[in-house]
All heavy atoms as atom14 arrays in JSON, in Angstrom:
{
  "sequence": "NNIKLIREQKGWSQDKLSEVSGLHRTYISGIERGVRNPTIDIVKQISQ",
  "atom14_mask": [
    [1, 1, 1, 1, 1, 1, 1, 1, 0, 0, 0, 0, 0, 0],
    [1, 1, 1, 1, 1, 1, 1, 1, 0, 0, 0, 0, 0, 0],
    [1, 1, 1, 1, 1, 1, 1, 1, 0, 0, 0, 0, 0, 0],
    [1, 1, 1, 1, 1, 1, 1, 1, 1, 0, 0, 0, 0, 0],
    [1, 1, 1, 1, 1, 1, 1, 1, 0, 0, 0, 0, 0, 0],
    [1, 1, 1, 1, 1, 1, 1, 1, 0, 0, 0, 0, 0, 0],
    [1, 1, 1, 1, 1, 1, 1, 1, 1, 1, 1, 0, 0, 0],
    [1, 1, 1, 1, 1, 1, 1, 1, 1, 0, 0, 0, 0, 0],
    [1, 1, 1, 1, 1, 1, 1, 1, 1, 0, 0, 0, 0, 0],
    [1, 1, 1, 1, 1, 1, 1, 1, 1, 0, 0, 0, 0, 0],
    [1, 1, 1, 1, 0, 0, 0, 0, 0, 0, 0, 0, 0, 0],
    [1, 1, 1, 1, 1, 1, 1, 1, 1, 1, 1, 1, 1, 1],
    [1, 1, 1, 1, 1, 1, 0, 0, 0, 0, 0, 0, 0, 0],
    [1, 1, 1, 1, 1, 1, 1, 1, 1, 0, 0, 0, 0, 0],
    [1, 1, 1, 1, 1, 1, 1, 1, 0, 0, 0, 0, 0, 0],
    [1, 1, 1, 1, 1, 1, 1, 1, 1, 0, 0, 0, 0, 0],
    [1, 1, 1, 1, 1, 1, 1, 1, 0, 0, 0, 0, 0, 0],
    [1, 1, 1, 1, 1, 1, 0, 0, 0, 0, 0, 0, 0, 0],
    [1, 1, 1, 1, 1, 1, 1, 1, 1, 0, 0, 0, 0, 0],
    [1, 1, 1, 1, 1, 1, 1, 0, 0, 0, 0, 0, 0, 0],
    [1, 1, 1, 1, 1, 1, 0, 0, 0, 0, 0, 0, 0, 0],
    [1, 1, 1, 1, 0, 0, 0, 0, 0, 0, 0, 0, 0, 0],
    [1, 1, 1, 1, 1, 1, 1, 1, 0, 0, 0, 0, 0, 0],
    [1, 1, 1, 1, 1, 1, 1, 1, 1, 1, 0, 0, 0, 0],
    [1, 1, 1, 1, 1, 1, 1, 1, 1, 1, 1, 0, 0, 0],
    [1, 1, 1, 1, 1, 1, 1, 0, 0, 0, 0, 0, 0, 0],
    [1, 1, 1, 1, 1, 1, 1, 1, 1, 1, 1, 1, 0, 0],
    [1, 1, 1, 1, 1, 1, 1, 1, 0, 0, 0, 0, 0, 0],
    [1, 1, 1, 1, 1, 1, 0, 0, 0, 0, 0, 0, 0, 0],
    [1, 1, 1, 1, 0, 0, 0, 0, 0, 0, 0, 0, 0, 0],
    [1, 1, 1, 1, 1, 1, 1, 1, 0, 0, 0, 0, 0, 0],
    [1, 1, 1, 1, 1, 1, 1, 1, 1, 0, 0, 0, 0, 0],
    [1, 1, 1, 1, 1, 1, 1, 1, 1, 1, 1, 0, 0, 0],
    [1, 1, 1, 1, 0, 0, 0, 0, 0, 0, 0, 0, 0, 0],
    [1, 1, 1, 1, 1, 1, 1, 0, 0, 0, 0, 0, 0, 0],
    [1, 1, 1, 1, 1, 1, 1, 1, 1, 1, 1, 0, 0, 0],
    [1, 1, 1, 1, 1, 1, 1, 1, 0, 0, 0, 0, 0, 0],
    [1, 1, 1, 1, 1, 1, 1, 0, 0, 0, 0, 0, 0, 0],
    [1, 1, 1, 1, 1, 1, 1, 0, 0, 0, 0, 0, 0, 0],
    [1, 1, 1, 1, 1, 1, 1, 1, 0, 0, 0, 0, 0, 0],
    [1, 1, 1, 1, 1, 1, 1, 1, 0, 0, 0, 0, 0, 0],
    [1, 1, 1, 1, 1, 1, 1, 1, 0, 0, 0, 0, 0, 0],
    [1, 1, 1, 1, 1, 1, 1, 0, 0, 0, 0, 0, 0, 0],
    [1, 1, 1, 1, 1, 1, 1, 1, 1, 0, 0, 0, 0, 0],
    [1, 1, 1, 1, 1, 1, 1, 1, 1, 0, 0, 0, 0, 0],
    [1, 1, 1, 1, 1, 1, 1, 1, 0, 0, 0, 0, 0, 0],
    [1, 1, 1, 1, 1, 1, 0, 0, 0, 0, 0, 0, 0, 0],
    [1, 1, 1, 1, 1, 1, 1, 1, 1, 0, 0, 0, 0, 0]
  ],
  "atom14_positions": [
    [[43.31, 99.35, 118.02], [42.12, 98.8, 117.38], [41.23, 98.08, 118.38], [40.0, 98.2, 118.35], [42.5, 97.85, 116.24], [43.06, 98.57, 115.03], [42.88, 99.76, 114.86], [43.77, 97.82, 114.19], [0.0, 0.0, 0.0], [0.0, 0.0, 0.0], [0.0, 0.0, 0.0], [0.0, 0.0, 0.0], [0.0, 0.0, 0.0], [0.0, 0.0, 0.0]],
    [[41.85, 97.3, 119.27], [41.07, 96.56, 120.27], [40.4, 97.48, 121.28], [39.26, 97.25, 121.67], [41.95, 95.52, 120.97], [42.26, 94.34, 120.08], [41.51, 94.01, 119.17], [43.38, 93.7, 120.33], [0.0, 0.0, 0.0], [0.0, 0.0, 0.0], [0.0, 0.0, 0.0], [0.0, 0.0, 0.0], [0.0, 0.0, 0.0], [0.0, 0.0, 0.0]],
    [[41.1, 98.52, 121.69], [40.49, 99.48, 122.62], [39.29, 100.15, 121.96], [38.23, 100.25, 122.57], [41.54, 100.5, 123.1], [42.54, 99.81, 124.03], [40.87, 101.7, 123.78], [43.72, 100.66, 124.43], [0.0, 0.0, 0.0], [0.0, 0.0, 0.0], [0.0, 0.0, 0.0], [0.0, 0.0, 0.0], [0.0, 0.0, 0.0], [0.0, 0.0, 0.0]],
    [[39.46, 100.57, 120.72], [38.35, 101.21, 120.02], [37.18, 100.25, 119.85], [36.02, 100.62, 120.07], [38.81, 101.72, 118.65], [37.73, 102.46, 117.9], [38.25, 103.04, 116.61], [37.15, 103.82, 115.89], [37.64, 104.42, 114.65], [0.0, 0.0, 0.0], [0.0, 0.0, 0.0], [0.0, 0.0, 0.0], [0.0, 0.0, 0.0], [0.0, 0.0, 0.0]],
    [[37.47, 99.0, 119.5], [36.43, 97.99, 119.3], [35.65, 97.75, 120.6], [34.41, 97.78, 120.6], [37.04, 96.68, 118.8], [36.08, 95.52, 118.6], [35.12, 95.8, 117.45], [36.85, 94.24, 118.33], [0.0, 0.0, 0.0], [0.0, 0.0, 0.0], [0.0, 0.0, 0.0], [0.0, 0.0, 0.0], [0.0, 0.0, 0.0], [0.0, 0.0, 0.0]],
    [[36.36, 97.54, 121.69], [35.7, 97.29, 122.98], [34.9, 98.52, 123.4], [33.76, 98.41, 123.87], [36.72, 96.88, 124.05], [37.34, 95.52, 123.7], [36.07, 96.84, 125.44], [38.55, 95.14, 124.54], [0.0, 0.0, 0.0], [0.0, 0.0, 0.0], [0.0, 0.0, 0.0], [0.0, 0.0, 0.0], [0.0, 0.0, 0.0], [0.0, 0.0, 0.0]],
    [[35.49, 99.69, 123.22], [34.8, 100.93, 123.59], [33.49, 101.07, 122.82], [32.44, 101.38, 123.41], [35.72, 102.13, 123.33], [35.09, 103.47, 123.65], [36.04, 104.63, 123.41], [36.5, 104.77, 122.04], [35.75, 105.24, 121.03], [34.51, 105.61, 121.23], [36.27, 105.35, 119.83], [0.0, 0.0, 0.0], [0.0, 0.0, 0.0], [0.0, 0.0, 0.0]],
    [[33.55, 100.83, 121.52], [32.34, 100.94, 120.7], [31.32, 99.86, 121.04], [30.11, 100.12, 121.02], [32.71, 100.9, 119.23], [33.42, 102.18, 118.78], [33.9, 102.15, 117.35], [33.98, 101.06, 116.74], [34.21, 103.25, 116.81], [0.0, 0.0, 0.0], [0.0, 0.0, 0.0], [0.0, 0.0, 0.0], [0.0, 0.0, 0.0], [0.0, 0.0, 0.0]],
    [[31.78, 98.65, 121.36], [30.86, 97.58, 121.76], [30.11, 97.96, 123.04], [28.96, 97.59, 123.22], [31.61, 96.27, 121.97], [32.06, 95.61, 120.68], [32.94, 94.4, 120.9], [33.48, 94.18, 121.99], [33.1, 93.61, 119.86], [0.0, 0.0, 0.0], [0.0, 0.0, 0.0], [0.0, 0.0, 0.0], [0.0, 0.0, 0.0], [0.0, 0.0, 0.0]],
    [[30.77, 98.68, 123.91], [30.13, 99.13, 125.16], [29.25, 100.36, 124.94], [28.55, 100.78, 125.84], [31.2, 99.44, 126.21], [31.9, 98.21, 126.75], [32.83, 98.61, 127.87], [33.34, 97.4, 128.6], [32.34, 96.77, 129.46], [0.0, 0.0, 0.0], [0.0, 0.0, 0.0], [0.0, 0.0, 0.0], [0.0, 0.0, 0.0], [0.0, 0.0, 0.0]],
    [[29.34, 100.94, 123.74], [28.57, 102.15, 123.46], [29.16, 103.38, 124.12], [28.45, 104.36, 124.35], [0.0, 0.0, 0.0], [0.0, 0.0, 0.0], [0.0, 0.0, 0.0], [0.0, 0.0, 0.0], [0.0, 0.0, 0.0], [0.0, 0.0, 0.0], [0.0, 0.0, 0.0], [0.0, 0.0, 0.0], [0.0, 0.0, 0.0], [0.0, 0.0, 0.0]],
    [[30.45, 103.33, 124.41], [31.13, 104.43, 125.09], [31.76, 105.38, 124.08], [32.31, 104.96, 123.07], [32.23, 103.91, 125.99], [31.78, 103.21, 127.24], [30.52, 102.87, 127.58], [32.62, 102.74, 128.28], [30.51, 102.23, 128.79], [31.79, 102.13, 129.24], [33.98, 102.78, 128.51], [32.29, 101.57, 130.41], [34.49, 102.22, 129.67], [33.65, 101.62, 130.61]],
    [[31.75, 106.64, 124.39], [32.52, 107.63, 123.65], [33.93, 107.65, 124.24], [34.18, 107.07, 125.31], [31.89, 109.02, 123.8], [31.97, 109.42, 125.16], [0.0, 0.0, 0.0], [0.0, 0.0, 0.0], [0.0, 0.0, 0.0], [0.0, 0.0, 0.0], [0.0, 0.0, 0.0], [0.0, 0.0, 0.0], [0.0, 0.0, 0.0], [0.0, 0.0, 0.0]],
    [[34.83, 108.34, 123.56], [36.17, 108.52, 124.14], [36.07, 109.31, 125.44], [36.84, 109.07, 126.37], [37.1, 109.2, 123.15], [37.52, 108.31, 122.0], [38.43, 109.0, 121.02], [38.52, 110.23, 120.98], [39.1, 108.21, 120.21], [0.0, 0.0, 0.0], [0.0, 0.0, 0.0], [0.0, 0.0, 0.0], [0.0, 0.0, 0.0], [0.0, 0.0, 0.0]],
    [[35.12, 110.23, 125.51], [34.92, 111.0, 126.74], [34.53, 110.09, 127.91], [35.01, 110.28, 129.02], [33.86, 112.09, 126.55], [34.36, 113.25, 125.7], [35.55, 113.59, 125.81], [33.56, 113.8, 124.93], [0.0, 0.0, 0.0], [0.0, 0.0, 0.0], [0.0, 0.0, 0.0], [0.0, 0.0, 0.0], [0.0, 0.0, 0.0], [0.0, 0.0, 0.0]],
    [[33.66, 109.12, 127.64], [33.23, 108.19, 128.68], [34.41, 107.35, 129.15], [34.61, 107.16, 130.35], [32.09, 107.3, 128.16], [31.69, 106.18, 129.07], [30.99, 106.65, 130.33], [30.53, 105.45, 131.14], [29.83, 105.83, 132.35], [0.0, 0.0, 0.0], [0.0, 0.0, 0.0], [0.0, 0.0, 0.0], [0.0, 0.0, 0.0], [0.0, 0.0, 0.0]],
    [[35.19, 106.81, 128.2], [36.37, 106.03, 128.58], [37.34, 106.9, 129.37], [37.93, 106.45, 130.35], [37.05, 105.43, 127.36], [38.33, 104.63, 127.62], [38.11, 103.53, 128.64], [38.86, 104.06, 126.31], [0.0, 0.0, 0.0], [0.0, 0.0, 0.0], [0.0, 0.0, 0.0], [0.0, 0.0, 0.0], [0.0, 0.0, 0.0], [0.0, 0.0, 0.0]],
    [[37.49, 108.14, 128.97], [38.35, 109.08, 129.68], [37.89, 109.24, 131.12], [38.69, 109.18, 132.06], [38.33, 110.42, 128.97], [39.0, 111.4, 129.71], [0.0, 0.0, 0.0], [0.0, 0.0, 0.0], [0.0, 0.0, 0.0], [0.0, 0.0, 0.0], [0.0, 0.0, 0.0], [0.0, 0.0, 0.0], [0.0, 0.0, 0.0], [0.0, 0.0, 0.0]],
    [[36.6, 109.42, 131.29], [36.02, 109.6, 132.63], [36.24, 108.37, 133.51], [36.64, 108.48, 134.67], [34.52, 109.87, 132.48], [33.76, 110.03, 133.75], [32.27, 110.19, 133.49], [31.89, 110.94, 132.57], [31.49, 109.53, 134.2], [0.0, 0.0, 0.0], [0.0, 0.0, 0.0], [0.0, 0.0, 0.0], [0.0, 0.0, 0.0], [0.0, 0.0, 0.0]],
    [[35.98, 107.19, 132.95], [36.07, 105.95, 133.74], [37.53, 105.56, 134.01], [37.83, 105.08, 135.1], [35.32, 104.8, 133.02], [35.48, 103.49, 133.77], [33.84, 105.14, 132.88], [0.0, 0.0, 0.0], [0.0, 0.0, 0.0], [0.0, 0.0, 0.0], [0.0, 0.0, 0.0], [0.0, 0.0, 0.0], [0.0, 0.0, 0.0], [0.0, 0.0, 0.0]],
    [[38.41, 105.79, 133.05], [39.8, 105.36, 133.2], [40.69, 106.39, 133.89], [41.76, 106.05, 134.38], [40.4, 105.04, 131.83], [40.55, 106.22, 131.05], [0.0, 0.0, 0.0], [0.0, 0.0, 0.0], [0.0, 0.0, 0.0], [0.0, 0.0, 0.0], [0.0, 0.0, 0.0], [0.0, 0.0, 0.0], [0.0, 0.0, 0.0], [0.0, 0.0, 0.0]],
    [[40.27, 107.66, 133.87], [41.09, 108.71, 134.45], [42.16, 109.23, 133.51], [43.06, 109.96, 133.92], [0.0, 0.0, 0.0], [0.0, 0.0, 0.0], [0.0, 0.0, 0.0], [0.0, 0.0, 0.0], [0.0, 0.0, 0.0], [0.0, 0.0, 0.0], [0.0, 0.0, 0.0], [0.0, 0.0, 0.0], [0.0, 0.0, 0.0], [0.0, 0.0, 0.0]],
    [[42.05, 108.86, 132.22], [43.0, 109.32, 131.21], [42.38, 110.43, 130.38], [41.16, 110.48, 130.23], [43.4, 108.15, 130.3], [44.04, 106.96, 130.99], [44.15, 105.78, 130.03], [45.4, 107.34, 131.54], [0.0, 0.0, 0.0], [0.0, 0.0, 0.0], [0.0, 0.0, 0.0], [0.0, 0.0, 0.0], [0.0, 0.0, 0.0], [0.0, 0.0, 0.0]],
    [[43.21, 111.3, 129.82], [42.69, 112.39, 129.0], [42.18, 111.85, 127.68], [42.75, 110.91, 127.11], [43.8, 113.42, 128.77], [43.29, 114.72, 128.27], [43.05, 114.96, 126.94], [42.95, 115.86, 128.93], [42.59, 116.18, 126.8], [42.52, 116.75, 128.0], [0.0, 0.0, 0.0], [0.0, 0.0, 0.0], [0.0, 0.0, 0.0], [0.0, 0.0, 0.0]],
    [[41.11, 112.43, 127.16], [40.49, 111.97, 125.92], [41.46, 112.0, 124.75], [41.48, 111.09, 123.93], [39.24, 112.8, 125.59], [38.47, 112.21, 124.4], [37.55, 113.21, 123.75], [38.2, 114.42, 123.3], [38.96, 114.52, 122.19], [39.18, 113.48, 121.44], [39.5, 115.67, 121.86], [0.0, 0.0, 0.0], [0.0, 0.0, 0.0], [0.0, 0.0, 0.0]],
    [[42.29, 113.03, 124.66], [43.22, 113.1, 123.53], [44.3, 112.02, 123.63], [44.79, 111.55, 122.61], [43.88, 114.49, 123.42], [44.56, 114.8, 124.63], [42.84, 115.56, 123.12], [0.0, 0.0, 0.0], [0.0, 0.0, 0.0], [0.0, 0.0, 0.0], [0.0, 0.0, 0.0], [0.0, 0.0, 0.0], [0.0, 0.0, 0.0], [0.0, 0.0, 0.0]],
    [[44.63, 111.61, 124.84], [45.6, 110.52, 125.02], [44.96, 109.22, 124.54], [45.62, 108.43, 123.84], [46.03, 110.43, 126.48], [47.18, 109.48, 126.69], [48.46, 109.82, 126.29], [46.98, 108.24, 127.29], [49.53, 108.95, 126.48], [48.03, 107.38, 127.48], [49.3, 107.73, 127.08], [50.35, 106.86, 127.27], [0.0, 0.0, 0.0], [0.0, 0.0, 0.0]],
    [[43.71, 109.0, 124.88], [42.99, 107.81, 124.43], [42.89, 107.8, 122.91], [43.1, 106.77, 122.26], [41.59, 107.73, 125.08], [41.74, 107.43, 126.58], [40.71, 106.67, 124.4], [40.5, 107.6, 127.39], [0.0, 0.0, 0.0], [0.0, 0.0, 0.0], [0.0, 0.0, 0.0], [0.0, 0.0, 0.0], [0.0, 0.0, 0.0], [0.0, 0.0, 0.0]],
    [[42.62, 108.94, 122.33], [42.56, 109.06, 120.88], [43.89, 108.64, 120.25], [43.92, 107.91, 119.25], [42.21, 110.5, 120.48], [42.3, 110.67, 119.08], [0.0, 0.0, 0.0], [0.0, 0.0, 0.0], [0.0, 0.0, 0.0], [0.0, 0.0, 0.0], [0.0, 0.0, 0.0], [0.0, 0.0, 0.0], [0.0, 0.0, 0.0], [0.0, 0.0, 0.0]],
    [[44.98, 109.1, 120.82], [46.3, 108.74, 120.31], [46.58, 107.26, 120.41], [47.18, 106.66, 119.51], [0.0, 0.0, 0.0], [0.0, 0.0, 0.0], [0.0, 0.0, 0.0], [0.0, 0.0, 0.0], [0.0, 0.0, 0.0], [0.0, 0.0, 0.0], [0.0, 0.0, 0.0], [0.0, 0.0, 0.0], [0.0, 0.0, 0.0], [0.0, 0.0, 0.0]],
    [[46.14, 106.65, 121.5], [46.31, 105.2, 121.66], [45.5, 104.47, 120.59], [46.0, 103.55, 119.94], [45.89, 104.74, 123.07], [46.82, 105.32, 124.13], [45.88, 103.21, 123.15], [46.35, 105.1, 125.55], [0.0, 0.0, 0.0], [0.0, 0.0, 0.0], [0.0, 0.0, 0.0], [0.0, 0.0, 0.0], [0.0, 0.0, 0.0], [0.0, 0.0, 0.0]],
    [[44.24, 104.87, 120.42], [43.38, 104.22, 119.43], [43.93, 104.35, 118.01], [43.75, 103.45, 117.2], [41.96, 104.77, 119.5], [41.2, 104.34, 120.73], [39.74, 104.76, 120.73], [39.29, 105.44, 119.77], [39.04, 104.4, 121.69], [0.0, 0.0, 0.0], [0.0, 0.0, 0.0], [0.0, 0.0, 0.0], [0.0, 0.0, 0.0], [0.0, 0.0, 0.0]],
    [[44.59, 105.46, 117.71], [45.16, 105.68, 116.38], [46.51, 104.99, 116.21], [47.05, 104.94, 115.12], [45.29, 107.17, 116.08], [43.95, 107.84, 115.88], [44.07, 109.33, 115.55], [44.47, 110.08, 116.74], [45.58, 110.81, 116.85], [46.4, 110.92, 115.83], [45.86, 111.46, 117.96], [0.0, 0.0, 0.0], [0.0, 0.0, 0.0], [0.0, 0.0, 0.0]],
    [[47.04, 104.44, 117.31], [48.31, 103.73, 117.24], [49.53, 104.63, 117.22], [50.62, 104.19, 116.88], [0.0, 0.0, 0.0], [0.0, 0.0, 0.0], [0.0, 0.0, 0.0], [0.0, 0.0, 0.0], [0.0, 0.0, 0.0], [0.0, 0.0, 0.0], [0.0, 0.0, 0.0], [0.0, 0.0, 0.0], [0.0, 0.0, 0.0], [0.0, 0.0, 0.0]],
    [[49.34, 105.9, 117.57], [50.46, 106.84, 117.56], [51.06, 107.05, 118.96], [52.11, 107.67, 119.09], [50.08, 108.21, 116.94], [49.69, 108.04, 115.48], [48.96, 108.88, 117.72], [0.0, 0.0, 0.0], [0.0, 0.0, 0.0], [0.0, 0.0, 0.0], [0.0, 0.0, 0.0], [0.0, 0.0, 0.0], [0.0, 0.0, 0.0], [0.0, 0.0, 0.0]],
    [[50.41, 106.53, 119.96], [50.92, 106.58, 121.33], [51.43, 105.19, 121.7], [50.91, 104.18, 121.25], [49.82, 106.96, 122.34], [49.34, 108.36, 122.21], [50.3, 109.3, 122.87], [49.73, 110.64, 122.94], [50.27, 111.6, 123.63], [51.36, 111.39, 124.3], [49.72, 112.78, 123.62], [0.0, 0.0, 0.0], [0.0, 0.0, 0.0], [0.0, 0.0, 0.0]],
    [[52.43, 105.15, 122.56], [52.99, 103.91, 123.06], [52.81, 103.9, 124.58], [53.72, 104.26, 125.31], [54.47, 103.8, 122.66], [55.03, 102.44, 122.92], [54.29, 101.49, 123.15], [56.35, 102.35, 122.89], [0.0, 0.0, 0.0], [0.0, 0.0, 0.0], [0.0, 0.0, 0.0], [0.0, 0.0, 0.0], [0.0, 0.0, 0.0], [0.0, 0.0, 0.0]],
    [[51.61, 103.51, 125.05], [51.32, 103.63, 126.48], [52.12, 102.63, 127.31], [52.49, 101.56, 126.83], [49.82, 103.31, 126.56], [49.56, 102.43, 125.38], [50.49, 102.93, 124.31], [0.0, 0.0, 0.0], [0.0, 0.0, 0.0], [0.0, 0.0, 0.0], [0.0, 0.0, 0.0], [0.0, 0.0, 0.0], [0.0, 0.0, 0.0], [0.0, 0.0, 0.0]],
    [[52.36, 103.01, 128.55], [53.02, 102.1, 129.49], [52.05, 100.98, 129.87], [50.83, 101.09, 129.67], [53.44, 102.83, 130.77], [52.26, 103.26, 131.47], [54.37, 104.01, 130.48], [0.0, 0.0, 0.0], [0.0, 0.0, 0.0], [0.0, 0.0, 0.0], [0.0, 0.0, 0.0], [0.0, 0.0, 0.0], [0.0, 0.0, 0.0], [0.0, 0.0, 0.0]],
    [[52.58, 99.94, 130.46], [51.74, 98.83, 130.9], [50.77, 99.29, 131.99], [49.64, 98.78, 132.08], [52.6, 97.62, 131.35], [51.75, 96.35, 131.45], [53.32, 97.9, 132.65], [51.24, 95.85, 130.13], [0.0, 0.0, 0.0], [0.0, 0.0, 0.0], [0.0, 0.0, 0.0], [0.0, 0.0, 0.0], [0.0, 0.0, 0.0], [0.0, 0.0, 0.0]],
    [[51.15, 100.27, 132.78], [50.24, 100.8, 133.8], [49.02, 101.47, 133.16], [47.89, 101.31, 133.66], [50.96, 101.81, 134.71], [51.97, 101.14, 135.63], [51.74, 99.99, 136.03], [52.98, 101.8, 135.95], [0.0, 0.0, 0.0], [0.0, 0.0, 0.0], [0.0, 0.0, 0.0], [0.0, 0.0, 0.0], [0.0, 0.0, 0.0], [0.0, 0.0, 0.0]],
    [[49.23, 102.17, 132.06], [48.12, 102.82, 131.36], [47.21, 101.76, 130.74], [45.98, 101.85, 130.83], [48.65, 103.77, 130.27], [49.45, 104.93, 130.88], [47.52, 104.28, 129.37], [48.66, 105.86, 131.77], [0.0, 0.0, 0.0], [0.0, 0.0, 0.0], [0.0, 0.0, 0.0], [0.0, 0.0, 0.0], [0.0, 0.0, 0.0], [0.0, 0.0, 0.0]],
    [[47.82, 100.73, 130.16], [47.03, 99.64, 129.57], [46.2, 98.95, 130.66], [45.04, 98.61, 130.45], [47.94, 98.63, 128.82], [47.13, 97.46, 128.3], [48.67, 99.32, 127.69], [0.0, 0.0, 0.0], [0.0, 0.0, 0.0], [0.0, 0.0, 0.0], [0.0, 0.0, 0.0], [0.0, 0.0, 0.0], [0.0, 0.0, 0.0], [0.0, 0.0, 0.0]],
    [[46.79, 98.79, 131.82], [46.06, 98.19, 132.95], [44.87, 99.07, 133.36], [43.78, 98.56, 133.62], [47.0, 98.0, 134.14], [46.34, 97.35, 135.34], [47.31, 97.2, 136.48], [46.6, 96.65, 137.71], [47.48, 96.67, 138.89], [0.0, 0.0, 0.0], [0.0, 0.0, 0.0], [0.0, 0.0, 0.0], [0.0, 0.0, 0.0], [0.0, 0.0, 0.0]],
    [[45.07, 100.39, 133.39], [43.96, 101.31, 133.72], [42.8, 101.13, 132.74], [41.63, 101.12, 133.14], [44.44, 102.76, 133.66], [45.11, 103.28, 134.88], [45.49, 104.73, 134.7], [46.67, 105.03, 134.5], [44.53, 105.63, 134.76], [0.0, 0.0, 0.0], [0.0, 0.0, 0.0], [0.0, 0.0, 0.0], [0.0, 0.0, 0.0], [0.0, 0.0, 0.0]],
    [[43.13, 101.01, 131.47], [42.1, 100.86, 130.45], [41.39, 99.52, 130.6], [40.16, 99.45, 130.53], [42.7, 101.04, 129.04], [43.18, 102.49, 128.86], [41.68, 100.67, 127.96], [44.02, 102.73, 127.61], [0.0, 0.0, 0.0], [0.0, 0.0, 0.0], [0.0, 0.0, 0.0], [0.0, 0.0, 0.0], [0.0, 0.0, 0.0], [0.0, 0.0, 0.0]],
    [[42.15, 98.46, 130.82], [41.51, 97.14, 130.97], [40.6, 97.12, 132.2], [39.52, 96.53, 132.16], [42.55, 96.02, 131.04], [43.25, 96.01, 132.26], [0.0, 0.0, 0.0], [0.0, 0.0, 0.0], [0.0, 0.0, 0.0], [0.0, 0.0, 0.0], [0.0, 0.0, 0.0], [0.0, 0.0, 0.0], [0.0, 0.0, 0.0], [0.0, 0.0, 0.0]],
    [[41.01, 97.78, 133.26], [40.17, 97.84, 134.46], [38.92, 98.68, 134.21], [37.84, 98.34, 134.7], [40.96, 98.39, 135.64], [41.99, 97.42, 136.15], [42.88, 97.99, 137.24], [43.1, 99.2, 137.32], [43.4, 97.12, 138.08], [0.0, 0.0, 0.0], [0.0, 0.0, 0.0], [0.0, 0.0, 0.0], [0.0, 0.0, 0.0], [0.0, 0.0, 0.0]]
  ]
}
């Protein structure tokens, strides 16, 4: 929920977050839906 909120506040699509973070868009979608359990390294990539 927080990733989706921040992404939308920035006006970013999942594609944009994918591009900036280096993660696949479908993986980001899974995280936003709460069905993925990302590692702390992935969470760090998103925060950066």
